[in-house]
Amino acid sequence: MTSDPLTDLYRTHNGPPPRPALKAVLLEGSSPHEVRRIRAGWTLASRLAADQRLGISRRRTACAASPKSDPWLTRLVADLALHRTTAEF
C-alpha cells in the first residue's frame, strides 16, 4: 500500500510541517492551471485578511466604549483568523 507525499510529510514531523515543504508537496505534480488556481486562492485570502484588519480597526474606533462586548467585532476577529490561516499557507 502506497501513501501519498502529504501523509508522509505529516508523519515525519512532530508538529506542523514547515510551510515551504508543505507547499512543495501540494504543488508538485499539479498542472499549471491547478497551480495558478491554488495561488489565486492564497492571494484572495491575503486580500480578505487585509480587508478584515481594516474593518476591525474601523469597528474598534466606532465602538470605543466597550469593544469586548461588540458581536460584530468578535465576528470580524474570527474571520480574520480564518483568512490569515489560509493566506499564510
PDB file of N, CA and C in Angstrom:
ATOM      1  N   MET A   1       0.848  -1.178   0.000  1.00  0.00           N
ATOM      2  CA  MET A   1       0.000   0.000   0.000  1.00  0.00           C
ATOM      3  C   MET A   1       0.895   1.242   0.000  1.00  0.00           C
ATOM      4  N   THR A   2       0.650   2.121  -0.935  1.00  0.00           N
ATOM      5  CA  THR A   2       1.451   3.340  -1.033  1.00  0.00           C
ATOM      6  C   THR A   2       0.702   4.496  -0.409  1.00  0.00           C
ATOM      7  N   SER A   3       1.449   5.356   0.233  1.00  0.00           N
ATOM      8  CA  SER A   3       0.824   6.537   0.817  1.00  0.00           C
ATOM      9  C   SER A   3       1.220   7.755  -0.005  1.00  0.00           C
ATOM     10  N   ASP A   4       0.422   8.765   0.093  1.00  0.00           N
ATOM     11  CA  ASP A   4       0.712   9.973  -0.675  1.00  0.00           C
ATOM     12  C   ASP A   4       1.777  10.804   0.038  1.00  0.00           C
ATOM     13  N   PRO A   5       2.461  11.695  -0.691  1.00  0.00           N
ATOM     14  CA  PRO A   5       3.529  12.502  -0.084  1.00  0.00           C
ATOM     15  C   PRO A   5       3.051  13.398   1.056  1.00  0.00           C
ATOM     16  N   LEU A   6       1.813  13.860   0.993  1.00  0.00           N
ATOM     17  CA  LEU A   6       1.286  14.720   2.052  1.00  0.00           C
ATOM     18  C   LEU A   6       1.186  13.957   3.372  1.00  0.00           C
ATOM     19  N   THR A   7       0.707  12.739   3.314  1.00  0.00           N
ATOM     20  CA  THR A   7       0.626  11.909   4.515  1.00  0.00           C
ATOM     21  C   THR A   7       2.015  11.634   5.065  1.00  0.00           C
ATOM     22  N   ASP A   8       2.965  11.327   4.186  1.00  0.00           N
ATOM     23  CA  ASP A   8       4.344  11.099   4.623  1.00  0.00           C
ATOM     24  C   ASP A   8       4.925  12.334   5.295  1.00  0.00           C
ATOM     25  N   LEU A   9       4.633  13.504   4.756  1.00  0.00           N
ATOM     26  CA  LEU A   9       5.146  14.742   5.329  1.00  0.00           C
ATOM     27  C   LEU A   9       4.627  14.946   6.752  1.00  0.00           C
ATOM     28  N   TYR A  10       3.351  14.688   6.966  1.00  0.00           N
ATOM     29  CA  TYR A  10       2.785  14.844   8.300  1.00  0.00           C
ATOM     30  C   TYR A  10       3.312  13.781   9.265  1.00  0.00           C
ATOM     31  N   ARG A  11       3.623  12.605   8.759  1.00  0.00           N
ATOM     32  CA  ARG A  11       4.162  11.545   9.626  1.00  0.00           C
ATOM     33  C   ARG A  11       5.585  11.840  10.069  1.00  0.00           C
ATOM     34  N   THR A  12       6.351  12.566   9.268  1.00  0.00           N
ATOM     35  CA  THR A  12       7.753  12.802   9.591  1.00  0.00           C
ATOM     36  C   THR A  12       7.977  14.006  10.493  1.00  0.00           C
ATOM     37  N   HIS A  13       6.946  14.744  10.838  1.00  0.00           N
ATOM     38  CA  HIS A  13       7.086  15.919  11.704  1.00  0.00           C
ATOM     39  C   HIS A  13       6.224  15.752  12.948  1.00  0.00           C
ATOM     40  N   ASN A  14       6.774  16.116  14.088  1.00  0.00           N
ATOM     41  CA  ASN A  14       6.017  16.045  15.339  1.00  0.00           C
ATOM     42  C   ASN A  14       4.920  17.098  15.373  1.00  0.00           C
ATOM     43  N   GLY A  15       5.246  18.299  14.935  1.00  0.00           N
ATOM     44  CA  GLY A  15       4.278  19.384  14.877  1.00  0.00           C
ATOM     45  C   GLY A  15       3.850  19.591  13.435  1.00  0.00           C
ATOM     46  N   PRO A  16       3.358  20.772  13.121  1.00  0.00           N
ATOM     47  CA  PRO A  16       3.012  21.047  11.728  1.00  0.00           C
ATOM     48  C   PRO A  16       4.280  21.096  10.877  1.00  0.00           C
ATOM     49  N   PRO A  17       4.208  20.593   9.661  1.00  0.00           N
ATOM     50  CA  PRO A  17       5.395  20.609   8.800  1.00  0.00           C
ATOM     51  C   PRO A  17       5.732  22.032   8.369  1.00  0.00           C
ATOM     52  N   PRO A  18       6.983  22.292   7.994  1.00  0.00           N
ATOM     53  CA  PRO A  18       7.349  23.629   7.521  1.00  0.00           C
ATOM     54  C   PRO A  18       6.541  24.015   6.285  1.00  0.00           C
ATOM     55  N   ARG A  19       6.170  25.264   6.203  1.00  0.00           N
ATOM     56  CA  ARG A  19       5.324  25.709   5.090  1.00  0.00           C
ATOM     57  C   ARG A  19       5.972  25.509   3.725  1.00  0.00           C
ATOM     58  N   PRO A  20       7.273  25.803   3.552  1.00  0.00           N
ATOM     59  CA  PRO A  20       7.861  25.570   2.229  1.00  0.00           C
ATOM     60  C   PRO A  20       7.780  24.105   1.797  1.00  0.00           C
ATOM     61  N   ALA A  21       7.979  23.190   2.741  1.00  0.00           N
ATOM     62  CA  ALA A  21       7.887  21.770   2.405  1.00  0.00           C
ATOM     63  C   ALA A  21       6.447  21.391   2.072  1.00  0.00           C
ATOM     64  N   LEU A  22       5.507  21.948   2.805  1.00  0.00           N
ATOM     65  CA  LEU A  22       4.098  21.657   2.557  1.00  0.00           C
ATOM     66  C   LEU A  22       3.654  22.195   1.201  1.00  0.00           C
ATOM     67  N   LYS A  23       4.095  23.407   0.865  1.00  0.00           N
ATOM     68  CA  LYS A  23       3.766  23.967  -0.454  1.00  0.00           C
ATOM     69  C   LYS A  23       4.348  23.114  -1.568  1.00  0.00           C
ATOM     70  N   ALA A  24       5.580  22.662  -1.391  1.00  0.00           N
ATOM     71  CA  ALA A  24       6.229  21.847  -2.419  1.00  0.00           C
ATOM     72  C   ALA A  24       5.472  20.546  -2.634  1.00  0.00           C
ATOM     73  N   VAL A  25       5.005  19.930  -1.556  1.00  0.00           N
ATOM     74  CA  VAL A  25       4.264  18.680  -1.682  1.00  0.00           C
ATOM     75  C   VAL A  25       2.923  18.913  -2.366  1.00  0.00           C
ATOM     76  N   LEU A  26       2.248  19.998  -1.990  1.00  0.00           N
ATOM     77  CA  LEU A  26       0.927  20.251  -2.564  1.00  0.00           C
ATOM     78  C   LEU A  26       0.990  20.644  -4.037  1.00  0.00           C
ATOM     79  N   LEU A  27       2.013  21.382  -4.417  1.00  0.00           N
ATOM     80  CA  LEU A  27       2.081  21.869  -5.793  1.00  0.00           C
ATOM     81  C   LEU A  27       2.819  20.912  -6.723  1.00  0.00           C
ATOM     82  N   GLU A  28       3.544  19.960  -6.177  1.00  0.00           N
ATOM     83  CA  GLU A  28       4.292  19.029  -7.020  1.00  0.00           C
ATOM     84  C   GLU A  28       3.335  18.127  -7.786  1.00  0.00           C
ATOM     85  N   GLY A  29       3.572  18.019  -9.057  1.00  0.00           N
ATOM     86  CA  GLY A  29       2.747  17.161  -9.890  1.00  0.00           C
ATOM     87  C   GLY A  29       1.440  17.782 -10.323  1.00  0.00           C
ATOM     88  N   SER A  30       1.185  18.994  -9.931  1.00  0.00           N
ATOM     89  CA  SER A  30      -0.056  19.656 -10.338  1.00  0.00           C
ATOM     90  C   SER A  30       0.111  20.269 -11.725  1.00  0.00           C
ATOM     91  N   SER A  31      -0.988  20.383 -12.409  1.00  0.00           N
ATOM     92  CA  SER A  31      -0.947  21.039 -13.709  1.00  0.00           C
ATOM     93  C   SER A  31      -0.744  22.539 -13.510  1.00  0.00           C
ATOM     94  N   PRO A  32      -0.220  23.237 -14.513  1.00  0.00           N
ATOM     95  CA  PRO A  32      -0.048  24.689 -14.360  1.00  0.00           C
ATOM     96  C   PRO A  32      -1.351  25.406 -14.014  1.00  0.00           C
ATOM     97  N   HIS A  33      -2.450  24.925 -14.563  1.00  0.00           N
ATOM     98  CA  HIS A  33      -3.753  25.531 -14.260  1.00  0.00           C
ATOM     99  C   HIS A  33      -4.075  25.372 -12.772  1.00  0.00           C
ATOM    100  N   GLU A  34      -3.807  24.190 -12.240  1.00  0.00           N
ATOM    101  CA  GLU A  34      -4.086  23.934 -10.827  1.00  0.00           C
ATOM    102  C   GLU A  34      -3.205  24.796  -9.925  1.00  0.00           C
ATOM    103  N   VAL A  35      -1.941  24.974 -10.296  1.00  0.00           N
ATOM    104  CA  VAL A  35      -1.028  25.809  -9.517  1.00  0.00           C
ATOM    105  C   VAL A  35      -1.527  27.251  -9.497  1.00  0.00           C
ATOM    106  N   ARG A  36      -1.959  27.755 -10.658  1.00  0.00           N
ATOM    107  CA  ARG A  36      -2.488  29.126 -10.714  1.00  0.00           C
ATOM    108  C   ARG A  36      -3.750  29.265  -9.868  1.00  0.00           C
ATOM    109  N   ARG A  37      -4.589  28.246  -9.874  1.00  0.00           N
ATOM    110  CA  ARG A  37      -5.822  28.280  -9.079  1.00  0.00           C
ATOM    111  C   ARG A  37      -5.504  28.321  -7.587  1.00  0.00           C
ATOM    112  N   ILE A  38      -4.548  27.518  -7.162  1.00  0.00           N
ATOM    113  CA  ILE A  38      -4.174  27.489  -5.746  1.00  0.00           C
ATOM    114  C   ILE A  38      -3.565  28.821  -5.328  1.00  0.00           C
ATOM    115  N   ARG A  39      -2.677  29.353  -6.146  1.00  0.00           N
ATOM    116  CA  ARG A  39      -2.048  30.635  -5.809  1.00  0.00           C
ATOM    117  C   ARG A  39      -3.056  31.772  -5.809  1.00  0.00           C
ATOM    118  N   ALA A  40      -4.041  31.713  -6.706  1.00  0.00           N
ATOM    119  CA  ALA A  40      -5.090  32.743  -6.714  1.00  0.00           C
ATOM    120  C   ALA A  40      -5.896  32.681  -5.412  1.00  0.00           C
ATOM    121  N   GLY A  41      -6.124  31.484  -4.908  1.00  0.00           N
ATOM    122  CA  GLY A  41      -6.827  31.344  -3.630  1.00  0.00           C
ATOM    123  C   GLY A  41      -6.034  31.946  -2.483  1.00  0.00           C
ATOM    124  N   TRP A  42      -4.711  31.735  -2.489  1.00  0.00           N
ATOM    125  CA  TRP A  42      -3.866  32.326  -1.446  1.00  0.00           C
ATOM    126  C   TRP A  42      -3.872  33.844  -1.542  1.00  0.00           C
ATOM    127  N   THR A  43      -3.834  34.372  -2.770  1.00  0.00           N
ATOM    128  CA  THR A  43      -3.861  35.823  -2.959  1.00  0.00           C
ATOM    129  C   THR A  43      -5.181  36.406  -2.466  1.00  0.00           C
ATOM    130  N   LEU A  44      -6.261  35.739  -2.806  1.00  0.00           N
ATOM    131  CA  LEU A  44      -7.577  36.194  -2.353  1.00  0.00           C
ATOM    132  C   LEU A  44      -7.659  36.191  -0.834  1.00  0.00           C
ATOM    133  N   ALA A  45      -7.159  35.143  -0.217  1.00  0.00           N
ATOM    134  CA  ALA A  45      -7.204  35.062   1.243  1.00  0.00           C
ATOM    135  C   ALA A  45      -6.386  36.177   1.884  1.00  0.00           C
ATOM    136  N   SER A  46      -5.241  36.526   1.287  1.00  0.00           N
ATOM    137  CA  SER A  46      -4.441  37.612   1.873  1.00  0.00           C
ATOM    138  C   SER A  46      -5.142  38.955   1.697  1.00  0.00           C
ATOM    139  N   ARG A  47      -5.840  39.151   0.584  1.00  0.00           N
ATOM    140  CA  ARG A  47      -6.612  40.388   0.402  1.00  0.00           C
ATOM    141  C   ARG A  47      -7.771  40.461   1.384  1.00  0.00           C
ATOM    142  N   LEU A  48      -8.442  39.344   1.596  1.00  0.00           N
ATOM    143  CA  LEU A  48      -9.549  39.317   2.554  1.00  0.00           C
ATOM    144  C   LEU A  48      -9.051  39.584   3.971  1.00  0.00           C
ATOM    145  N   ALA A  49      -7.871  39.060   4.298  1.00  0.00           N
ATOM    146  CA  ALA A  49      -7.294  39.327   5.623  1.00  0.00           C
ATOM    147  C   ALA A  49      -7.006  40.812   5.785  1.00  0.00           C
ATOM    148  N   ALA A  50      -6.504  41.448   4.740  1.00  0.00           N
ATOM    149  CA  ALA A  50      -6.236  42.892   4.809  1.00  0.00           C
ATOM    150  C   ALA A  50      -7.538  43.671   4.997  1.00  0.00           C
ATOM    151  N   ASP A  51      -8.593  43.262   4.292  1.00  0.00           N
ATOM    152  CA  ASP A  51      -9.900  43.910   4.471  1.00  0.00           C
ATOM    153  C   ASP A  51     -10.430  43.718   5.890  1.00  0.00           C
ATOM    154  N   GLN A  52     -10.224  42.530   6.457  1.00  0.00           N
ATOM    155  CA  GLN A  52     -10.675  42.273   7.816  1.00  0.00           C
ATOM    156  C   GLN A  52      -9.928  43.141   8.822  1.00  0.00           C
ATOM    157  N   ARG A  53      -8.616  43.308   8.621  1.00  0.00           N
ATOM    158  CA  ARG A  53      -7.845  44.168   9.525  1.00  0.00           C
ATOM    159  C   ARG A  53      -8.361  45.601   9.489  1.00  0.00           C
ATOM    160  N   LEU A  54      -8.675  46.089   8.289  1.00  0.00           N
ATOM    161  CA  LEU A  54      -9.221  47.438   8.158  1.00  0.00           C
ATOM    162  C   LEU A  54     -10.578  47.537   8.841  1.00  0.00           C
ATOM    163  N   GLY A  55     -11.427  46.529   8.636  1.00  0.00           N
ATOM    164  CA  GLY A  55     -12.741  46.515   9.270  1.00  0.00           C
ATOM    165  C   GLY A  55     -12.657  46.488  10.789  1.00  0.00           C
ATOM    166  N   ILE A  56     -11.698  45.726  11.301  1.00  0.00           N
ATOM    167  CA  ILE A  56     -11.519  45.653  12.754  1.00  0.00           C
ATOM    168  C   ILE A  56     -11.090  47.003  13.314  1.00  0.00           C
ATOM    169  N   SER A  57     -10.157  47.650  12.656  1.00  0.00           N
ATOM    170  CA  SER A  57      -9.709  48.950  13.176  1.00  0.00           C
ATOM    171  C   SER A  57     -10.833  49.980  13.127  1.00  0.00           C
ATOM    172  N   ARG A  58     -11.634  49.946  12.076  1.00  0.00           N
ATOM    173  CA  ARG A  58     -12.753  50.888  11.986  1.00  0.00           C
ATOM    174  C   ARG A  58     -13.817  50.585  13.040  1.00  0.00           C
ATOM    175  N   ARG A  59     -14.067  49.313  13.271  1.00  0.00           N
ATOM    176  CA  ARG A  59     -15.088  48.937  14.251  1.00  0.00           C
ATOM    177  C   ARG A  59     -14.636  49.275  15.667  1.00  0.00           C
ATOM    178  N   ARG A  60     -13.347  49.060  15.958  1.00  0.00           N
ATOM    179  CA  ARG A  60     -12.828  49.419  17.285  1.00  0.00           C
ATOM    180  C   ARG A  60     -12.942  50.920  17.523  1.00  0.00           C
ATOM    181  N   THR A  61     -12.697  51.704  16.481  1.00  0.00           N
ATOM    182  CA  THR A  61     -12.828  53.154  16.601  1.00  0.00           C
ATOM    183  C   THR A  61     -14.286  53.545  16.827  1.00  0.00           C
ATOM    184  N   ALA A  62     -15.196  52.875  16.130  1.00  0.00           N
ATOM    185  CA  ALA A  62     -16.620  53.216  16.227  1.00  0.00           C
ATOM    186  C   ALA A  62     -17.207  52.845  17.592  1.00  0.00           C
ATOM    187  N   CYS A  63     -16.724  51.766  18.191  1.00  0.00           N
ATOM    188  CA  CYS A  63     -17.295  51.352  19.480  1.00  0.00           C
ATOM    189  C   CYS A  63     -16.211  51.376  20.551  1.00  0.00           C
ATOM    190  N   ALA A  64     -15.627  52.513  20.741  1.00  0.00           N
ATOM    191  CA  ALA A  64     -14.520  52.671  21.690  1.00  0.00           C
ATOM    192  C   ALA A  64     -14.951  52.441  23.136  1.00  0.00           C
ATOM    193  N   ALA A  65     -16.235  52.595  23.432  1.00  0.00           N
ATOM    194  CA  ALA A  65     -16.702  52.466  24.812  1.00  0.00           C
ATOM    195  C   ALA A  65     -16.560  51.031  25.331  1.00  0.00           C
ATOM    196  N   SER A  66     -17.031  50.053  24.564  1.00  0.00           N
ATOM    197  CA  SER A  66     -16.965  48.654  25.014  1.00  0.00           C
ATOM    198  C   SER A  66     -16.722  47.717  23.834  1.00  0.00           C
ATOM    199  N   PRO A  67     -15.505  47.683  23.320  1.00  0.00           N
ATOM    200  CA  PRO A  67     -15.242  46.838  22.156  1.00  0.00           C
ATOM    201  C   PRO A  67     -15.299  45.338  22.456  1.00  0.00           C
ATOM    202  N   LYS A  68     -15.088  44.924  23.700  1.00  0.00           N
ATOM    203  CA  LYS A  68     -15.093  43.498  24.023  1.00  0.00           C
ATOM    204  C   LYS A  68     -16.478  42.882  23.947  1.00  0.00           C
ATOM    205  N   SER A  69     -17.513  43.685  24.111  1.00  0.00           N
ATOM    206  CA  SER A  69     -18.874  43.150  24.080  1.00  0.00           C
ATOM    207  C   SER A  69     -19.551  43.321  22.727  1.00  0.00           C
ATOM    208  N   ASP A  70     -18.818  43.773  21.725  1.00  0.00           N
ATOM    209  CA  ASP A  70     -19.402  44.005  20.405  1.00  0.00           C
ATOM    210  C   ASP A  70     -19.397  42.707  19.593  1.00  0.00           C
ATOM    211  N   PRO A  71     -20.581  42.186  19.218  1.00  0.00           N
ATOM    212  CA  PRO A  71     -20.621  40.926  18.475  1.00  0.00           C
ATOM    213  C   PRO A  71     -20.029  41.035  17.063  1.00  0.00           C
ATOM    214  N   TRP A  72     -20.171  42.166  16.426  1.00  0.00           N
ATOM    215  CA  TRP A  72     -19.607  42.330  15.085  1.00  0.00           C
ATOM    216  C   TRP A  72     -18.087  42.314  15.115  1.00  0.00           C
ATOM    217  N   LEU A  73     -17.526  42.926  16.115  1.00  0.00           N
ATOM    218  CA  LEU A  73     -16.068  42.925  16.252  1.00  0.00           C
ATOM    219  C   LEU A  73     -15.556  41.510  16.505  1.00  0.00           C
ATOM    220  N   THR A  74     -16.287  40.765  17.312  1.00  0.00           N
ATOM    221  CA  THR A  74     -15.912  39.368  17.573  1.00  0.00           C
ATOM    222  C   THR A  74     -15.936  38.562  16.282  1.00  0.00           C
ATOM    223  N   ARG A  75     -16.948  38.792  15.466  1.00  0.00           N
ATOM    224  CA  ARG A  75     -17.048  38.071  14.193  1.00  0.00           C
ATOM    225  C   ARG A  75     -15.925  38.475  13.245  1.00  0.00           C
ATOM    226  N   LEU A  76     -15.609  39.758  13.184  1.00  0.00           N
ATOM    227  CA  LEU A  76     -14.518  40.213  12.328  1.00  0.00           C
ATOM    228  C   LEU A  76     -13.184  39.592  12.741  1.00  0.00           C
ATOM    229  N   VAL A  77     -12.956  39.482  14.033  1.00  0.00           N
ATOM    230  CA  VAL A  77     -11.715  38.880  14.523  1.00  0.00           C
ATOM    231  C   VAL A  77     -11.654  37.395  14.161  1.00  0.00           C
ATOM    232  N   ALA A  78     -12.766  36.698  14.280  1.00  0.00           N
ATOM    233  CA  ALA A  78     -12.805  35.279  13.912  1.00  0.00           C
ATOM    234  C   ALA A  78     -12.561  35.092  12.418  1.00  0.00           C
ATOM    235  N   ASP A  79     -13.172  35.957  11.596  1.00  0.00           N
ATOM    236  CA  ASP A  79     -12.955  35.880  10.150  1.00  0.00           C
ATOM    237  C   ASP A  79     -11.503  36.191   9.795  1.00  0.00           C
ATOM    238  N   LEU A  80     -10.903  37.138  10.500  1.00  0.00           N
ATOM    239  CA  LEU A  80      -9.507  37.470  10.253  1.00  0.00           C
ATOM    240  C   LEU A  80      -8.606  36.276  10.542  1.00  0.00           C
ATOM    241  N   ALA A  81      -8.882  35.564  11.623  1.00  0.00           N
ATOM    242  CA  ALA A  81      -8.082  34.386  11.951  1.00  0.00           C
ATOM    243  C   ALA A  81      -8.187  33.337  10.842  1.00  0.00           C
ATOM    244  N   LEU A  82      -9.379  33.153  10.307  1.00  0.00           N
ATOM    245  CA  LEU A  82      -9.574  32.193   9.218  1.00  0.00           C
ATOM    246  C   LEU A  82      -8.804  32.610   7.971  1.00  0.00           C
ATOM    247  N   HIS A  83      -8.912  33.874   7.579  1.00  0.00           N
ATOM    248  CA  HIS A  83      -8.241  34.341   6.373  1.00  0.00           C
ATOM    249  C   HIS A  83      -6.726  34.354   6.539  1.00  0.00           C
ATOM    250  N   ARG A  84      -6.242  34.681   7.734  1.00  0.00           N
ATOM    251  CA  ARG A  84      -4.800  34.645   7.973  1.00  0.00           C
ATOM    252  C   ARG A  84      -4.259  33.235   7.842  1.00  0.00           C
ATOM    253  N   THR A  85      -4.990  32.273   8.386  1.00  0.00           N
ATOM    254  CA  THR A  85      -4.552  30.884   8.295  1.00  0.00           C
ATOM    255  C   THR A  85      -4.453  30.435   6.847  1.00  0.00           C
ATOM    256  N   THR A  86      -5.430  30.808   6.056  1.00  0.00           N
ATOM    257  CA  THR A  86      -5.425  30.429   4.639  1.00  0.00           C
ATOM    258  C   THR A  86      -4.340  31.171   3.880  1.00  0.00           C
ATOM    259  N   ALA A  87      -4.148  32.462   4.168  1.00  0.00           N
ATOM    260  CA  ALA A  87      -3.195  33.272   3.429  1.00  0.00           C
ATOM    261  C   ALA A  87      -1.754  32.931   3.779  1.00  0.00           C
ATOM    262  N   GLU A  88      -1.484  32.570   5.032  1.00  0.00           N
ATOM    263  CA  GLU A  88      -0.118  32.281   5.448  1.00  0.00           C
ATOM    264  C   GLU A  88       0.380  30.985   4.889  1.00  0.00           C
ATOM    265  N   PHE A  89      -0.517  30.114   4.520  1.00  0.00           N
ATOM    266  CA  PHE A  89      -0.109  28.831   3.987  1.00  0.00           C
ATOM    267  C   PHE A  89       0.527  29.018   2.682  1.00  0.00           C
TER     268      PHE A  89
END
